[in-house]
Protein backbone atom coordinates (compact mmCIF):
# COMPACT_ATOMS: atom_id res chain seq x y z
CA UNK A 1 38.56 15.14 44.84
CA UNK A 2 36.36 17.92 43.48
CA UNK A 3 37.72 17.27 40.01
CA UNK A 4 36.87 13.55 40.22
CA UNK A 5 33.31 14.31 41.35
CA UNK A 6 32.87 16.63 38.38
CA UNK A 7 34.12 13.86 36.08
CA UNK A 8 31.73 11.34 37.62
CA UNK A 9 28.76 13.70 37.29
CA UNK A 10 29.61 14.60 33.71
CA UNK A 11 29.86 10.89 32.84
CA UNK A 12 26.51 10.23 34.53
CA UNK A 13 24.99 13.15 32.63
CA UNK A 14 26.23 11.79 29.28
CA UNK A 15 24.97 8.28 30.13
CA UNK A 16 21.58 9.65 31.17
CA UNK A 17 21.22 11.66 27.95
CA UNK A 18 22.10 8.58 25.87
CA UNK A 19 19.59 6.47 27.79
CA UNK A 20 16.82 9.03 27.25
CA UNK A 21 17.60 9.37 23.53
CA UNK A 22 17.51 5.61 22.96
CA UNK A 23 14.31 5.30 24.98
CA UNK A 24 12.61 7.98 22.90
CA UNK A 25 13.82 6.42 19.63
CA UNK A 26 12.57 2.97 20.65
CA UNK A 27 9.20 4.29 21.77
CA UNK A 28 8.37 6.58 18.86
CA UNK A 29 5.00 8.18 19.33
CA UNK A 30 2.34 6.80 17.00
CA UNK A 31 -0.47 9.11 15.95
CA UNK A 32 -3.65 8.41 17.88
CA UNK A 33 -6.68 7.54 15.77
CA UNK A 34 -9.42 9.87 16.83
CA UNK A 35 -13.15 9.22 16.48
CA UNK A 36 -13.50 12.13 14.04
CA UNK A 37 -10.66 10.87 11.82
CA UNK A 38 -12.05 7.35 11.76
CA UNK A 39 -15.55 8.49 10.80
CA UNK A 40 -14.22 10.82 8.10
CA UNK A 41 -12.25 7.88 6.66
CA UNK A 42 -8.97 9.77 6.94
CA UNK A 43 -7.68 6.43 8.06
CA UNK A 44 -8.86 3.00 6.88
CA UNK A 45 -12.60 2.31 6.66
CA UNK A 46 -14.39 1.44 9.87
CA UNK A 47 -17.67 -0.24 10.75
CA UNK A 48 -20.09 1.54 13.07
CA UNK A 49 -22.04 -0.73 15.41
CA UNK A 50 -24.80 1.14 17.26
CA UNK A 51 -27.31 -0.45 19.65
CA UNK A 52 -30.98 -0.23 18.73
CA UNK A 53 -31.84 0.13 22.43
CA UNK A 54 -30.06 2.47 24.84
CA UNK A 55 -27.10 0.77 26.51
CA UNK A 56 -23.50 1.52 27.43
CA UNK A 57 -20.50 0.70 25.28
CA UNK A 58 -19.27 -1.99 27.68
CA UNK A 59 -22.37 -4.07 26.92
CA UNK A 60 -21.85 -3.51 23.19
CA UNK A 61 -18.23 -4.58 23.46
CA UNK A 62 -19.09 -7.78 25.37
CA UNK A 63 -21.76 -8.64 22.78
CA UNK A 64 -19.26 -8.17 19.95
CA UNK A 65 -16.60 -10.22 21.75
CA UNK A 66 -19.04 -13.06 22.52
CA UNK A 67 -20.38 -13.27 18.95
CA UNK A 68 -17.29 -12.55 16.83
CA UNK A 69 -13.98 -14.30 17.44
CA UNK A 70 -11.16 -12.70 15.41
CA UNK A 71 -9.02 -15.86 15.62
CA UNK A 72 -11.72 -18.12 14.18
CA UNK A 73 -12.86 -15.63 11.54
CA UNK A 74 -9.28 -14.68 10.58
CA UNK A 75 -9.70 -10.99 11.39
CA UNK A 76 -6.93 -8.67 12.53
CA UNK A 77 -8.71 -5.88 14.36
CA UNK A 78 -6.61 -2.73 14.42
CA UNK A 79 -8.85 -0.27 16.22
CA UNK A 80 -11.84 -0.27 18.52
CA UNK A 81 -13.26 3.09 19.52
CA UNK A 82 -16.24 3.58 21.81
CA UNK A 83 -18.87 6.21 21.12
CA UNK A 84 -20.91 8.17 23.61
CA UNK A 85 -24.22 6.56 22.61
CA UNK A 86 -23.09 3.02 23.43
CA UNK A 87 -21.79 2.19 19.98
CA UNK A 88 -18.44 1.00 18.75
CA UNK A 89 -16.24 1.77 15.77
CA UNK A 90 -14.31 -1.28 14.62
CA UNK A 91 -11.58 -1.30 12.00
CA UNK A 92 -9.36 -4.08 10.69
CA UNK A 93 -5.88 -4.04 9.17
CA UNK A 94 -7.12 -4.41 5.62
CA UNK A 95 -10.20 -3.23 3.77
CA UNK A 96 -11.17 -6.83 2.90
CA UNK A 97 -11.08 -7.83 6.55
CA UNK A 98 -13.18 -4.80 7.46
CA UNK A 99 -15.88 -5.78 4.97
CA UNK A 100 -15.72 -9.40 6.17
CA UNK A 101 -16.15 -8.14 9.74
CA UNK A 102 -19.20 -6.17 8.59
CA UNK A 103 -20.75 -9.28 6.99
CA UNK A 104 -20.15 -11.36 10.11
CA UNK A 105 -21.53 -8.63 12.36
CA UNK A 106 -24.63 -8.27 10.17
CA UNK A 107 -25.38 -11.98 10.40
CA UNK A 108 -24.74 -12.30 14.14
CA UNK A 109 -25.64 -8.90 15.61
CA UNK A 110 -28.29 -7.44 13.29
CA UNK A 111 -31.11 -8.25 15.73
CA UNK A 112 -30.07 -5.72 18.33
CA UNK A 113 -27.57 -3.46 16.53
CA UNK A 114 -27.50 -1.13 13.53
CA UNK A 115 -24.38 -1.92 11.51
CA UNK A 116 -23.08 0.38 8.81
CA UNK A 117 -19.86 1.57 7.25
CA UNK A 118 -18.58 5.04 8.07
CA UNK A 119 -19.02 7.16 4.98
CA UNK A 120 -16.10 9.21 3.80
CA UNK A 121 -16.04 12.87 2.96
CA UNK A 122 -17.79 14.19 -0.13
CA UNK A 123 -15.87 17.37 -0.80
CA UNK A 124 -17.50 20.28 -2.54
CA UNK A 125 -15.33 22.59 -4.56
CA UNK A 126 -16.46 26.07 -5.45
CA UNK A 127 -14.34 27.95 -7.98
CA UNK A 128 -15.07 31.63 -8.37
CA UNK A 129 -13.77 34.20 -10.81
CA UNK A 130 -13.23 31.82 -13.73
CA UNK A 131 -15.90 33.39 -15.91
CA UNK A 132 -13.59 36.29 -16.63
CA UNK A 133 -10.64 34.02 -17.46
CA UNK A 134 -12.26 31.16 -19.43
CA UNK A 135 -15.09 30.59 -21.86
CA UNK A 136 -17.74 28.04 -20.92
CA UNK A 137 -16.28 25.18 -23.00
CA UNK A 138 -12.76 25.86 -21.65
CA UNK A 139 -14.14 25.89 -18.11
CA UNK A 140 -15.90 22.54 -18.58
CA UNK A 141 -12.71 21.06 -20.05
CA UNK A 142 -10.77 22.32 -17.03
CA UNK A 143 -13.27 20.80 -14.61
CA UNK A 144 -13.11 17.48 -16.48
CA UNK A 145 -9.33 17.45 -16.05
CA UNK A 146 -9.69 18.25 -12.35
CA UNK A 147 -12.23 15.43 -11.91
CA UNK A 148 -10.03 12.92 -13.75
CA UNK A 149 -6.98 13.89 -11.70
CA UNK A 150 -8.89 13.52 -8.43
CA UNK A 151 -11.10 10.61 -9.38
CA UNK A 152 -11.36 9.09 -5.90
CA UNK A 153 -12.47 12.35 -4.28
CA UNK A 154 -15.53 13.10 -6.37
CA UNK A 155 -18.89 11.40 -6.53
CA UNK A 156 -19.74 9.70 -9.84
CA UNK A 157 -21.75 12.66 -11.12
CA UNK A 158 -20.43 15.93 -9.70
CA UNK A 159 -22.52 19.03 -10.19
CA UNK A 160 -20.65 21.50 -12.39
CA UNK A 161 -22.12 24.95 -12.99
CA UNK A 162 -20.74 27.70 -15.15
């Protein structure tokens, strides 16, 4: 009898482990989009909608929902994040839809809301110690190659000093 109970418990243990493993595989954890990541454009671009007058984010959300219908305007909204000052960050599945959402929001909500796109990062790179290794023309050639290789990261006219 003791042997059969051990067999039953071991079978239950194996079944429980299998059930947990399949549950975890089916419900893979997706990374949460944070406010900071969205504003820094680490993810897709987002539109910032801030009220001109002080109000809570629930009022902002109801105004957006009453004026913009994603089904009618063919928008697939992927993220909505509230901010502490009553604003909202809204992002769509594609960049084109995000810009279309911005245009619609500007026409329908511009009276009482400031609407803008979250600006991405403008990285600054400081390279030290190259004066000893390179001449000025070699250094400028090296920086040109770095700028061409990372074209999307730099502003149109980066400031290069020797």
